[in-house]
Amino acid sequence: MVKCARMSLEHFSDEALLALVARGDQEALRWLYRRYAGSVLALAKRMGLDAAAREDCVQEVFQRIWQGAASFDPRKTQARSWLLAVAHHMAVDLVRRNAARPKALEPAHDEEDPEAFDLPGPGLDEGGVLDRVRIQQALAALSPDERRVIEVLYYQGYAHGEAAERLGIPLGTLKTRARRALEKLREVLGEA
């Protein structure tokens, strides 16, 4: 009886899985999909994409991961951050593609809703849940104007000029609020 020499990838780190994906390992991609598909779907929903566009987003994100895993550098960032950045960029691309449909641009939540700034949750590990809690607490330290700027720039994916127009404020004011908000977030989160 011959046992399969390949061990389960279940307990591999995200970084190790990305390294395997970069070498063409489809099973490693499946494990990343299991871990992050729910997060990508939730992020796409937060950015106002409809159900069909959310599914397209998930598919395109994992296609980009498959094609671009070799560009991941663990010395520069964590795998989780890299994966979610790929997802965010894809969601922004889809929001812009759907810009002709005004309904797709409407916020998916009310600004005062405490869940409005919840990061994608399904599929995240325990550390991801703790990160979401920390980020929610950090966002609570921002003024309502700063929170709205962060929401429009980072959750809805608008460029600075588009965000300023959408919020009805001068571009310089938007940039100042964004910079101030990011500085507060870094301070609260303890990031240099």
N, C-alpha and C. Protein backbone atom coordinates (compact mmCIF):
# COMPACT_ATOMS: atom_id res chain seq x y z
N MET A 1 0.85 -1.17 0.00
CA MET A 1 0.00 0.00 0.00
C MET A 1 0.90 1.23 0.00
N VAL A 2 0.69 2.12 -0.96
CA VAL A 2 1.49 3.33 -1.09
C VAL A 2 0.68 4.50 -0.56
N LYS A 3 1.26 5.23 0.40
CA LYS A 3 0.58 6.41 0.94
C LYS A 3 1.00 7.62 0.13
N CYS A 4 0.10 8.53 -0.01
CA CYS A 4 0.39 9.76 -0.74
C CYS A 4 1.44 10.55 0.05
N ALA A 5 2.50 10.92 -0.61
CA ALA A 5 3.59 11.64 0.05
C ALA A 5 3.21 13.09 0.33
N ARG A 6 2.25 13.60 -0.37
CA ARG A 6 1.85 15.00 -0.20
C ARG A 6 1.04 15.16 1.08
N MET A 7 1.45 16.09 1.92
CA MET A 7 0.71 16.34 3.16
C MET A 7 -0.38 17.38 2.91
N SER A 8 -1.33 17.43 3.78
CA SER A 8 -2.42 18.39 3.67
C SER A 8 -1.86 19.81 3.81
N LEU A 9 -2.42 20.70 3.03
CA LEU A 9 -1.99 22.10 3.06
C LEU A 9 -2.79 22.93 4.07
N GLU A 10 -3.70 22.28 4.75
CA GLU A 10 -4.61 22.98 5.66
C GLU A 10 -3.89 23.86 6.67
N HIS A 11 -2.79 23.39 7.20
CA HIS A 11 -2.11 24.13 8.26
C HIS A 11 -0.96 25.00 7.75
N PHE A 12 -0.80 25.07 6.45
CA PHE A 12 0.24 25.93 5.88
C PHE A 12 -0.15 27.39 6.08
N SER A 13 0.83 28.23 6.24
CA SER A 13 0.57 29.67 6.36
C SER A 13 0.14 30.21 4.99
N ASP A 14 -0.46 31.38 5.00
CA ASP A 14 -0.86 32.02 3.75
C ASP A 14 0.37 32.27 2.88
N GLU A 15 1.48 32.67 3.52
CA GLU A 15 2.71 32.93 2.78
C GLU A 15 3.20 31.67 2.07
N ALA A 16 3.16 30.55 2.78
CA ALA A 16 3.60 29.28 2.18
C ALA A 16 2.67 28.87 1.05
N LEU A 17 1.37 29.08 1.23
CA LEU A 17 0.42 28.75 0.16
C LEU A 17 0.66 29.62 -1.07
N LEU A 18 0.94 30.90 -0.87
CA LEU A 18 1.21 31.77 -2.01
C LEU A 18 2.48 31.34 -2.75
N ALA A 19 3.47 30.91 -2.00
CA ALA A 19 4.70 30.41 -2.64
C ALA A 19 4.39 29.19 -3.50
N LEU A 20 3.54 28.32 -3.00
CA LEU A 20 3.15 27.14 -3.78
C LEU A 20 2.32 27.53 -5.00
N VAL A 21 1.43 28.50 -4.83
CA VAL A 21 0.62 28.98 -5.96
C VAL A 21 1.55 29.55 -7.04
N ALA A 22 2.57 30.28 -6.62
CA ALA A 22 3.52 30.85 -7.57
C ALA A 22 4.20 29.76 -8.40
N ARG A 23 4.28 28.56 -7.84
CA ARG A 23 4.87 27.41 -8.56
C ARG A 23 3.83 26.60 -9.33
N GLY A 24 2.58 27.08 -9.32
CA GLY A 24 1.54 26.40 -10.09
C GLY A 24 0.75 25.35 -9.34
N ASP A 25 0.76 25.40 -8.02
CA ASP A 25 0.06 24.41 -7.19
C ASP A 25 -1.42 24.80 -7.05
N GLN A 26 -2.29 24.08 -7.73
CA GLN A 26 -3.71 24.38 -7.70
C GLN A 26 -4.35 24.09 -6.34
N GLU A 27 -3.86 23.08 -5.65
CA GLU A 27 -4.41 22.75 -4.32
C GLU A 27 -4.15 23.90 -3.34
N ALA A 28 -2.99 24.53 -3.44
CA ALA A 28 -2.68 25.68 -2.57
C ALA A 28 -3.65 26.82 -2.87
N LEU A 29 -3.97 27.03 -4.15
CA LEU A 29 -4.94 28.07 -4.50
C LEU A 29 -6.31 27.73 -3.92
N ARG A 30 -6.68 26.45 -3.95
CA ARG A 30 -7.96 26.04 -3.36
C ARG A 30 -8.01 26.38 -1.87
N TRP A 31 -6.90 26.18 -1.15
CA TRP A 31 -6.89 26.49 0.27
C TRP A 31 -6.99 28.00 0.51
N LEU A 32 -6.33 28.77 -0.32
CA LEU A 32 -6.46 30.24 -0.19
C LEU A 32 -7.90 30.65 -0.49
N TYR A 33 -8.51 30.01 -1.48
CA TYR A 33 -9.91 30.30 -1.80
C TYR A 33 -10.80 30.00 -0.60
N ARG A 34 -10.60 28.85 0.03
CA ARG A 34 -11.40 28.48 1.21
C ARG A 34 -11.26 29.53 2.31
N ARG A 35 -10.05 30.03 2.48
CA ARG A 35 -9.79 31.00 3.55
C ARG A 35 -10.32 32.40 3.23
N TYR A 36 -10.28 32.82 1.98
CA TYR A 36 -10.51 34.22 1.65
C TYR A 36 -11.69 34.53 0.75
N ALA A 37 -12.32 33.54 0.15
CA ALA A 37 -13.44 33.83 -0.76
C ALA A 37 -14.55 34.61 -0.04
N GLY A 38 -14.86 34.22 1.18
CA GLY A 38 -15.89 34.92 1.94
C GLY A 38 -15.52 36.37 2.22
N SER A 39 -14.26 36.60 2.49
CA SER A 39 -13.79 37.96 2.74
C SER A 39 -13.88 38.82 1.49
N VAL A 40 -13.50 38.24 0.36
CA VAL A 40 -13.57 38.96 -0.91
C VAL A 40 -15.02 39.28 -1.24
N LEU A 41 -15.90 38.32 -1.05
CA LEU A 41 -17.32 38.53 -1.31
C LEU A 41 -17.88 39.64 -0.42
N ALA A 42 -17.52 39.64 0.85
CA ALA A 42 -18.01 40.66 1.77
C ALA A 42 -17.44 42.04 1.42
N LEU A 43 -16.19 42.09 1.03
CA LEU A 43 -15.59 43.36 0.62
C LEU A 43 -16.32 43.91 -0.60
N ALA A 44 -16.58 43.07 -1.57
CA ALA A 44 -17.29 43.50 -2.77
C ALA A 44 -18.69 44.01 -2.41
N LYS A 45 -19.33 43.36 -1.47
CA LYS A 45 -20.65 43.82 -1.02
C LYS A 45 -20.56 45.18 -0.35
N ARG A 46 -19.54 45.36 0.50
CA ARG A 46 -19.35 46.64 1.18
C ARG A 46 -19.12 47.79 0.19
N MET A 47 -18.54 47.44 -0.95
CA MET A 47 -18.25 48.46 -1.96
C MET A 47 -19.42 48.69 -2.90
N GLY A 48 -20.55 48.05 -2.61
CA GLY A 48 -21.78 48.33 -3.33
C GLY A 48 -22.02 47.52 -4.58
N LEU A 49 -21.27 46.46 -4.78
CA LEU A 49 -21.48 45.63 -5.98
C LEU A 49 -22.69 44.73 -5.80
N ASP A 50 -23.42 44.51 -6.88
CA ASP A 50 -24.58 43.62 -6.81
C ASP A 50 -24.10 42.17 -6.74
N ALA A 51 -25.03 41.25 -6.55
CA ALA A 51 -24.67 39.84 -6.33
C ALA A 51 -23.86 39.25 -7.48
N ALA A 52 -24.25 39.53 -8.70
CA ALA A 52 -23.53 38.99 -9.85
C ALA A 52 -22.12 39.56 -9.93
N ALA A 53 -21.99 40.85 -9.69
CA ALA A 53 -20.67 41.50 -9.74
C ALA A 53 -19.79 41.00 -8.60
N ARG A 54 -20.40 40.70 -7.45
CA ARG A 54 -19.62 40.17 -6.32
C ARG A 54 -19.03 38.81 -6.67
N GLU A 55 -19.84 37.97 -7.32
CA GLU A 55 -19.33 36.66 -7.73
C GLU A 55 -18.23 36.80 -8.77
N ASP A 56 -18.41 37.74 -9.70
CA ASP A 56 -17.37 38.00 -10.70
C ASP A 56 -16.10 38.47 -10.01
N CYS A 57 -16.26 39.30 -9.00
CA CYS A 57 -15.11 39.83 -8.27
C CYS A 57 -14.31 38.69 -7.64
N VAL A 58 -15.00 37.78 -6.98
CA VAL A 58 -14.31 36.65 -6.34
C VAL A 58 -13.55 35.84 -7.39
N GLN A 59 -14.20 35.55 -8.49
CA GLN A 59 -13.55 34.76 -9.54
C GLN A 59 -12.32 35.49 -10.08
N GLU A 60 -12.46 36.77 -10.37
CA GLU A 60 -11.36 37.54 -10.95
C GLU A 60 -10.22 37.73 -9.95
N VAL A 61 -10.54 37.88 -8.68
CA VAL A 61 -9.50 38.02 -7.66
C VAL A 61 -8.63 36.77 -7.62
N PHE A 62 -9.27 35.61 -7.60
CA PHE A 62 -8.47 34.39 -7.51
C PHE A 62 -7.75 34.07 -8.82
N GLN A 63 -8.27 34.57 -9.91
CA GLN A 63 -7.54 34.45 -11.16
C GLN A 63 -6.29 35.33 -11.11
N ARG A 64 -6.43 36.54 -10.57
CA ARG A 64 -5.26 37.43 -10.43
C ARG A 64 -4.24 36.84 -9.46
N ILE A 65 -4.73 36.24 -8.39
CA ILE A 65 -3.81 35.62 -7.43
C ILE A 65 -3.06 34.48 -8.12
N TRP A 66 -3.76 33.67 -8.89
CA TRP A 66 -3.13 32.57 -9.61
C TRP A 66 -2.05 33.08 -10.56
N GLN A 67 -2.37 34.15 -11.28
CA GLN A 67 -1.44 34.70 -12.26
C GLN A 67 -0.33 35.53 -11.64
N GLY A 68 -0.59 36.14 -10.48
CA GLY A 68 0.37 37.09 -9.93
C GLY A 68 1.02 36.70 -8.62
N ALA A 69 0.84 35.47 -8.18
CA ALA A 69 1.39 35.05 -6.89
C ALA A 69 2.90 35.23 -6.82
N ALA A 70 3.58 35.10 -7.95
CA ALA A 70 5.03 35.25 -7.95
C ALA A 70 5.46 36.67 -7.59
N SER A 71 4.56 37.65 -7.72
CA SER A 71 4.91 39.04 -7.38
C SER A 71 4.80 39.31 -5.88
N PHE A 72 4.23 38.38 -5.13
CA PHE A 72 4.13 38.56 -3.68
C PHE A 72 5.52 38.46 -3.05
N ASP A 73 5.85 39.44 -2.22
CA ASP A 73 7.14 39.47 -1.52
C ASP A 73 6.88 39.51 -0.02
N PRO A 74 7.11 38.40 0.69
CA PRO A 74 6.82 38.36 2.13
C PRO A 74 7.69 39.31 2.95
N ARG A 75 8.75 39.84 2.36
CA ARG A 75 9.58 40.81 3.08
C ARG A 75 8.92 42.18 3.12
N LYS A 76 7.98 42.42 2.21
CA LYS A 76 7.34 43.73 2.11
C LYS A 76 5.99 43.81 2.83
N THR A 77 5.26 42.70 2.86
CA THR A 77 3.93 42.72 3.45
C THR A 77 3.52 41.30 3.85
N GLN A 78 2.48 41.21 4.64
CA GLN A 78 1.93 39.91 5.01
C GLN A 78 1.06 39.40 3.86
N ALA A 79 0.95 38.11 3.75
CA ALA A 79 0.14 37.52 2.68
C ALA A 79 -1.31 37.98 2.77
N ARG A 80 -1.85 38.01 3.96
CA ARG A 80 -3.24 38.42 4.13
C ARG A 80 -3.46 39.83 3.59
N SER A 81 -2.54 40.74 3.89
CA SER A 81 -2.65 42.11 3.40
C SER A 81 -2.57 42.14 1.88
N TRP A 82 -1.65 41.36 1.32
CA TRP A 82 -1.49 41.32 -0.13
C TRP A 82 -2.75 40.77 -0.80
N LEU A 83 -3.29 39.69 -0.25
CA LEU A 83 -4.49 39.09 -0.82
C LEU A 83 -5.69 40.04 -0.78
N LEU A 84 -5.86 40.72 0.35
CA LEU A 84 -6.99 41.64 0.47
C LEU A 84 -6.77 42.90 -0.37
N ALA A 85 -5.52 43.29 -0.59
CA ALA A 85 -5.24 44.42 -1.49
C ALA A 85 -5.62 44.05 -2.93
N VAL A 86 -5.29 42.83 -3.34
CA VAL A 86 -5.70 42.35 -4.67
C VAL A 86 -7.22 42.42 -4.78
N ALA A 87 -7.90 41.97 -3.74
CA ALA A 87 -9.37 41.99 -3.73
C ALA A 87 -9.90 43.42 -3.80
N HIS A 88 -9.30 44.31 -3.03
CA HIS A 88 -9.76 45.70 -3.01
C HIS A 88 -9.58 46.34 -4.39
N HIS A 89 -8.43 46.12 -5.01
CA HIS A 89 -8.19 46.70 -6.34
C HIS A 89 -9.18 46.16 -7.37
N MET A 90 -9.47 44.88 -7.29
CA MET A 90 -10.42 44.30 -8.23
C MET A 90 -11.81 44.87 -7.99
N ALA A 91 -12.21 45.00 -6.73
CA ALA A 91 -13.53 45.56 -6.43
C ALA A 91 -13.63 47.00 -6.92
N VAL A 92 -12.57 47.78 -6.73
CA VAL A 92 -12.55 49.16 -7.23
C VAL A 92 -12.71 49.16 -8.75
N ASP A 93 -11.99 48.27 -9.43
CA ASP A 93 -12.12 48.18 -10.89
C ASP A 93 -13.55 47.88 -11.30
N LEU A 94 -14.20 46.96 -10.60
CA LEU A 94 -15.57 46.61 -10.94
C LEU A 94 -16.54 47.74 -10.62
N VAL A 95 -16.32 48.46 -9.52
CA VAL A 95 -17.17 49.61 -9.20
C VAL A 95 -17.06 50.64 -10.33
N ARG A 96 -15.85 50.88 -10.79
CA ARG A 96 -15.67 51.85 -11.87
C ARG A 96 -16.29 51.37 -13.18
N ARG A 97 -16.18 50.08 -13.46
CA ARG A 97 -16.79 49.53 -14.68
C ARG A 97 -18.31 49.69 -14.65
N ASN A 98 -18.86 49.59 -13.46
CA ASN A 98 -20.31 49.68 -13.30
C ASN A 98 -20.79 51.11 -13.04
N ALA A 99 -19.91 52.08 -13.22
CA ALA A 99 -20.24 53.47 -12.89
C ALA A 99 -21.42 54.00 -13.69
N ALA A 100 -21.71 53.43 -14.82
CA ALA A 100 -22.83 53.90 -15.63
C ALA A 100 -24.18 53.59 -14.98
N ARG A 101 -24.15 52.66 -14.04
CA ARG A 101 -25.38 52.30 -13.35
C ARG A 101 -25.38 52.98 -11.99
N PRO A 102 -26.13 54.09 -11.81
CA PRO A 102 -26.10 54.85 -10.57
C PRO A 102 -26.37 54.02 -9.32
N LYS A 103 -27.24 53.01 -9.40
CA LYS A 103 -27.57 52.22 -8.22
C LYS A 103 -26.33 51.51 -7.67
N ALA A 104 -25.41 51.12 -8.52
CA ALA A 104 -24.20 50.42 -8.09
C ALA A 104 -23.29 51.33 -7.29
N LEU A 105 -23.48 52.66 -7.44
CA LEU A 105 -22.60 53.59 -6.74
C LEU A 105 -23.14 54.01 -5.38
N GLU A 106 -24.35 53.66 -5.08
CA GLU A 106 -24.92 54.04 -3.79
C GLU A 106 -24.25 53.28 -2.66
N PRO A 107 -24.04 53.93 -1.51
CA PRO A 107 -23.44 53.22 -0.38
C PRO A 107 -24.31 52.04 0.02
N ALA A 108 -23.67 50.97 0.44
CA ALA A 108 -24.39 49.76 0.82
C ALA A 108 -24.87 49.82 2.26
N HIS A 109 -24.60 50.93 2.95
CA HIS A 109 -24.93 51.01 4.37
C HIS A 109 -25.05 52.47 4.78
N ASP A 110 -25.62 52.70 5.93
CA ASP A 110 -25.75 54.02 6.50
C ASP A 110 -24.48 54.40 7.25
N GLU A 111 -24.07 55.66 7.14
CA GLU A 111 -22.83 56.11 7.77
C GLU A 111 -22.83 55.87 9.27
N GLU A 112 -23.96 55.98 9.89
CA GLU A 112 -24.02 55.83 11.34
C GLU A 112 -24.12 54.38 11.79
N ASP A 113 -24.28 53.48 10.86
CA ASP A 113 -24.36 52.06 11.18
C ASP A 113 -23.02 51.58 11.72
N PRO A 114 -22.98 51.03 12.95
CA PRO A 114 -21.70 50.59 13.51
C PRO A 114 -21.05 49.48 12.69
N GLU A 115 -21.82 48.75 11.90
CA GLU A 115 -21.26 47.70 11.06
C GLU A 115 -20.73 48.25 9.75
N ALA A 116 -20.93 49.56 9.50
CA ALA A 116 -20.56 50.13 8.21
C ALA A 116 -19.08 49.97 7.91
N PHE A 117 -18.25 49.94 8.92
CA PHE A 117 -16.82 49.84 8.70
C PHE A 117 -16.28 48.47 9.08
N ASP A 118 -17.16 47.51 9.18
CA ASP A 118 -16.73 46.15 9.48
C ASP A 118 -16.02 45.60 8.25
N LEU A 119 -14.84 45.09 8.43
CA LEU A 119 -14.13 44.47 7.32
C LEU A 119 -14.76 43.13 7.02
N PRO A 120 -14.51 42.63 5.83
CA PRO A 120 -15.09 41.33 5.48
C PRO A 120 -14.78 40.29 6.53
N GLY A 121 -15.81 39.57 6.95
CA GLY A 121 -15.61 38.64 8.04
C GLY A 121 -15.65 37.18 7.68
N PRO A 122 -16.61 36.73 6.89
CA PRO A 122 -16.70 35.30 6.63
C PRO A 122 -15.41 34.76 6.02
N GLY A 123 -14.95 33.67 6.59
CA GLY A 123 -13.76 33.03 6.05
C GLY A 123 -12.46 33.48 6.68
N LEU A 124 -12.51 34.50 7.50
CA LEU A 124 -11.27 34.96 8.12
C LEU A 124 -10.93 34.11 9.33
N ASP A 125 -9.67 34.01 9.61
CA ASP A 125 -9.24 33.27 10.79
C ASP A 125 -9.45 34.13 12.03
N GLU A 126 -9.15 33.58 13.18
CA GLU A 126 -9.34 34.28 14.44
C GLU A 126 -8.58 35.59 14.47
N GLY A 127 -7.38 35.61 13.94
CA GLY A 127 -6.59 36.84 13.89
C GLY A 127 -7.28 37.90 13.07
N GLY A 128 -7.95 37.50 11.99
CA GLY A 128 -8.69 38.44 11.17
C GLY A 128 -9.85 39.07 11.92
N VAL A 129 -10.52 38.28 12.74
CA VAL A 129 -11.62 38.80 13.56
C VAL A 129 -11.08 39.84 14.54
N LEU A 130 -9.95 39.55 15.15
CA LEU A 130 -9.35 40.50 16.08
C LEU A 130 -8.92 41.76 15.36
N ASP A 131 -8.40 41.62 14.14
CA ASP A 131 -8.03 42.79 13.34
C ASP A 131 -9.25 43.66 13.07
N ARG A 132 -10.39 43.03 12.72
CA ARG A 132 -11.60 43.80 12.45
C ARG A 132 -12.02 44.58 13.67
N VAL A 133 -11.96 43.96 14.83
CA VAL A 133 -12.35 44.64 16.07
C VAL A 133 -11.44 45.84 16.32
N ARG A 134 -10.14 45.64 16.14
CA ARG A 134 -9.18 46.74 16.33
C ARG A 134 -9.45 47.88 15.35
N ILE A 135 -9.74 47.55 14.12
CA ILE A 135 -9.99 48.58 13.11
C ILE A 135 -11.29 49.30 13.40
N GLN A 136 -12.33 48.58 13.83
CA GLN A 136 -13.59 49.23 14.20
C GLN A 136 -13.36 50.22 15.32
N GLN A 137 -12.59 49.83 16.32
CA GLN A 137 -12.30 50.72 17.44
C GLN A 137 -11.51 51.94 16.97
N ALA A 138 -10.56 51.72 16.09
CA ALA A 138 -9.76 52.83 15.57
C ALA A 138 -10.62 53.79 14.76
N LEU A 139 -11.52 53.25 13.94
CA LEU A 139 -12.40 54.11 13.15
C LEU A 139 -13.33 54.93 14.03
N ALA A 140 -13.69 54.39 15.18
CA ALA A 140 -14.55 55.12 16.11
C ALA A 140 -13.86 56.37 16.65
N ALA A 141 -12.53 56.41 16.59
CA ALA A 141 -11.77 57.57 17.08
C ALA A 141 -11.78 58.72 16.07
N LEU A 142 -12.25 58.47 14.86
CA LEU A 142 -12.27 59.51 13.84
C LEU A 142 -13.52 60.37 13.95
N SER A 143 -13.41 61.60 13.46
CA SER A 143 -14.59 62.46 13.40
C SER A 143 -15.51 61.93 12.29
N PRO A 144 -16.79 62.30 12.32
CA PRO A 144 -17.70 61.83 11.26
C PRO A 144 -17.21 62.22 9.86
N ASP A 145 -16.65 63.43 9.70
CA ASP A 145 -16.13 63.85 8.40
C ASP A 145 -14.97 62.98 7.96
N GLU A 146 -14.08 62.65 8.88
CA GLU A 146 -12.94 61.80 8.56
C GLU A 146 -13.39 60.38 8.20
N ARG A 147 -14.35 59.87 8.97
CA ARG A 147 -14.87 58.52 8.69
C ARG A 147 -15.49 58.47 7.30
N ARG A 148 -16.25 59.51 6.93
CA ARG A 148 -16.91 59.55 5.63
C ARG A 148 -15.87 59.56 4.50
N VAL A 149 -14.79 60.32 4.68
CA VAL A 149 -13.72 60.37 3.68
C VAL A 149 -13.09 58.98 3.52
N ILE A 150 -12.80 58.33 4.64
CA ILE A 150 -12.21 56.98 4.58
C ILE A 150 -13.18 56.02 3.89
N GLU A 151 -14.46 56.14 4.21
CA GLU A 151 -15.45 55.27 3.60
C GLU A 151 -15.48 55.44 2.08
N VAL A 152 -15.52 56.67 1.62
CA VAL A 152 -15.64 56.93 0.18
C VAL A 152 -14.35 56.54 -0.55
N LEU A 153 -13.20 56.81 0.05
CA LEU A 153 -11.93 56.49 -0.61
C LEU A 153 -11.62 55.00 -0.57
N TYR A 154 -11.76 54.37 0.59
CA TYR A 154 -11.26 53.01 0.76
C TYR A 154 -12.32 51.92 0.70
N TYR A 155 -13.55 52.24 1.07
CA TYR A 155 -14.58 51.21 1.04
C TYR A 155 -15.38 51.26 -0.27
N GLN A 156 -15.57 52.47 -0.80
CA GLN A 156 -16.30 52.59 -2.06
C GLN A 156 -15.35 52.68 -3.25
N GLY A 157 -14.07 52.95 -2.99
CA GLY A 157 -13.06 52.88 -4.02
C GLY A 157 -12.94 54.07 -4.96
N TYR A 158 -13.43 55.22 -4.57
CA TYR A 158 -13.32 56.39 -5.43
C TYR A 158 -11.91 56.98 -5.39
N ALA A 159 -11.49 57.56 -6.52
CA ALA A 159 -10.25 58.32 -6.56
C ALA A 159 -10.47 59.63 -5.81
N HIS A 160 -9.39 60.30 -5.44
CA HIS A 160 -9.51 61.52 -4.64
C HIS A 160 -10.43 62.57 -5.27
N GLY A 161 -10.24 62.83 -6.55
CA GLY A 161 -11.07 63.83 -7.23
C GLY A 161 -12.55 63.45 -7.24
N GLU A 162 -12.82 62.18 -7.52
CA GLU A 162 -14.20 61.69 -7.53
C GLU A 162 -14.81 61.76 -6.13
N ALA A 163 -14.01 61.41 -5.13
CA ALA A 163 -14.50 61.43 -3.75
C ALA A 163 -14.83 62.85 -3.31
N ALA A 164 -13.97 63.80 -3.66
CA ALA A 164 -14.23 65.20 -3.30
C ALA A 164 -15.52 65.69 -3.93
N GLU A 165 -15.72 65.34 -5.20
CA GLU A 165 -16.94 65.73 -5.90
C GLU A 165 -18.15 65.08 -5.24
N ARG A 166 -18.04 63.80 -4.94
CA ARG A 166 -19.15 63.06 -4.33
C ARG A 166 -19.53 63.64 -2.97
N LEU A 167 -18.52 64.03 -2.20
CA LEU A 167 -18.78 64.58 -0.86
C LEU A 167 -19.08 66.07 -0.88
N GLY A 168 -18.87 66.71 -2.03
CA GLY A 168 -19.14 68.15 -2.14
C GLY A 168 -18.16 69.00 -1.37
N ILE A 169 -16.90 68.58 -1.33
CA ILE A 169 -15.87 69.35 -0.63
C ILE A 169 -14.68 69.56 -1.57
N PRO A 170 -13.89 70.60 -1.32
CA PRO A 170 -12.71 70.82 -2.17
C PRO A 170 -11.72 69.66 -2.05
N LEU A 171 -10.98 69.43 -3.12
CA LEU A 171 -10.01 68.34 -3.16
C LEU A 171 -8.98 68.48 -2.04
N GLY A 172 -8.50 69.69 -1.79
CA GLY A 172 -7.53 69.91 -0.71
C GLY A 172 -8.08 69.52 0.65
N THR A 173 -9.34 69.84 0.89
CA THR A 173 -9.99 69.48 2.15
C THR A 173 -10.08 67.96 2.29
N LEU A 174 -10.46 67.31 1.21
CA LEU A 174 -10.54 65.86 1.23
C LEU A 174 -9.18 65.25 1.56
N LYS A 175 -8.13 65.72 0.90
CA LYS A 175 -6.79 65.18 1.13
C LYS A 175 -6.33 65.43 2.56
N THR A 176 -6.64 66.60 3.09
CA THR A 176 -6.27 66.90 4.47
C THR A 176 -7.00 65.97 5.44
N ARG A 177 -8.29 65.79 5.24
CA ARG A 177 -9.06 64.89 6.11
C ARG A 177 -8.56 63.45 6.00
N ALA A 178 -8.27 63.03 4.78
CA ALA A 178 -7.77 61.66 4.59
C ALA A 178 -6.43 61.48 5.30
N ARG A 179 -5.52 62.43 5.13
CA ARG A 179 -4.21 62.34 5.77
C ARG A 179 -4.35 62.33 7.29
N ARG A 180 -5.18 63.22 7.82
CA ARG A 180 -5.41 63.28 9.26
C ARG A 180 -6.02 61.98 9.77
N ALA A 181 -6.99 61.45 9.03
CA ALA A 181 -7.65 60.20 9.44
C ALA A 181 -6.66 59.05 9.43
N LEU A 182 -5.85 58.95 8.39
CA LEU A 182 -4.87 57.86 8.32
C LEU A 182 -3.82 57.97 9.43
N GLU A 183 -3.42 59.19 9.75
CA GLU A 183 -2.47 59.37 10.86
C GLU A 183 -3.09 58.92 12.18
N LYS A 184 -4.35 59.27 12.41
CA LYS A 184 -5.03 58.84 13.63
C LYS A 184 -5.14 57.32 13.67
N LEU A 185 -5.50 56.72 12.54
CA LEU A 185 -5.63 55.27 12.49
C LEU A 185 -4.29 54.59 12.78
N ARG A 186 -3.21 55.10 12.20
CA ARG A 186 -1.89 54.54 12.48
C ARG A 186 -1.54 54.64 13.95
N GLU A 187 -1.84 55.80 14.53
CA GLU A 187 -1.55 56.02 15.94
C GLU A 187 -2.33 55.06 16.82
N VAL A 188 -3.62 54.95 16.57
CA VAL A 188 -4.49 54.09 17.37
C VAL A 188 -4.11 52.62 17.19
N LEU A 189 -3.78 52.24 15.97
CA LEU A 189 -3.43 50.85 15.69
C LEU A 189 -1.98 50.53 16.04
N GLY A 190 -1.23 51.56 16.39
CA GLY A 190 0.16 51.33 16.82
C GLY A 190 1.11 51.02 15.69
N GLU A 191 0.77 51.49 14.49
CA GLU A 191 1.63 51.25 13.34
C GLU A 191 2.47 52.49 13.09
N ALA A 192 3.75 52.32 12.79
CA ALA A 192 4.62 53.45 12.50
C ALA A 192 4.53 53.82 11.04
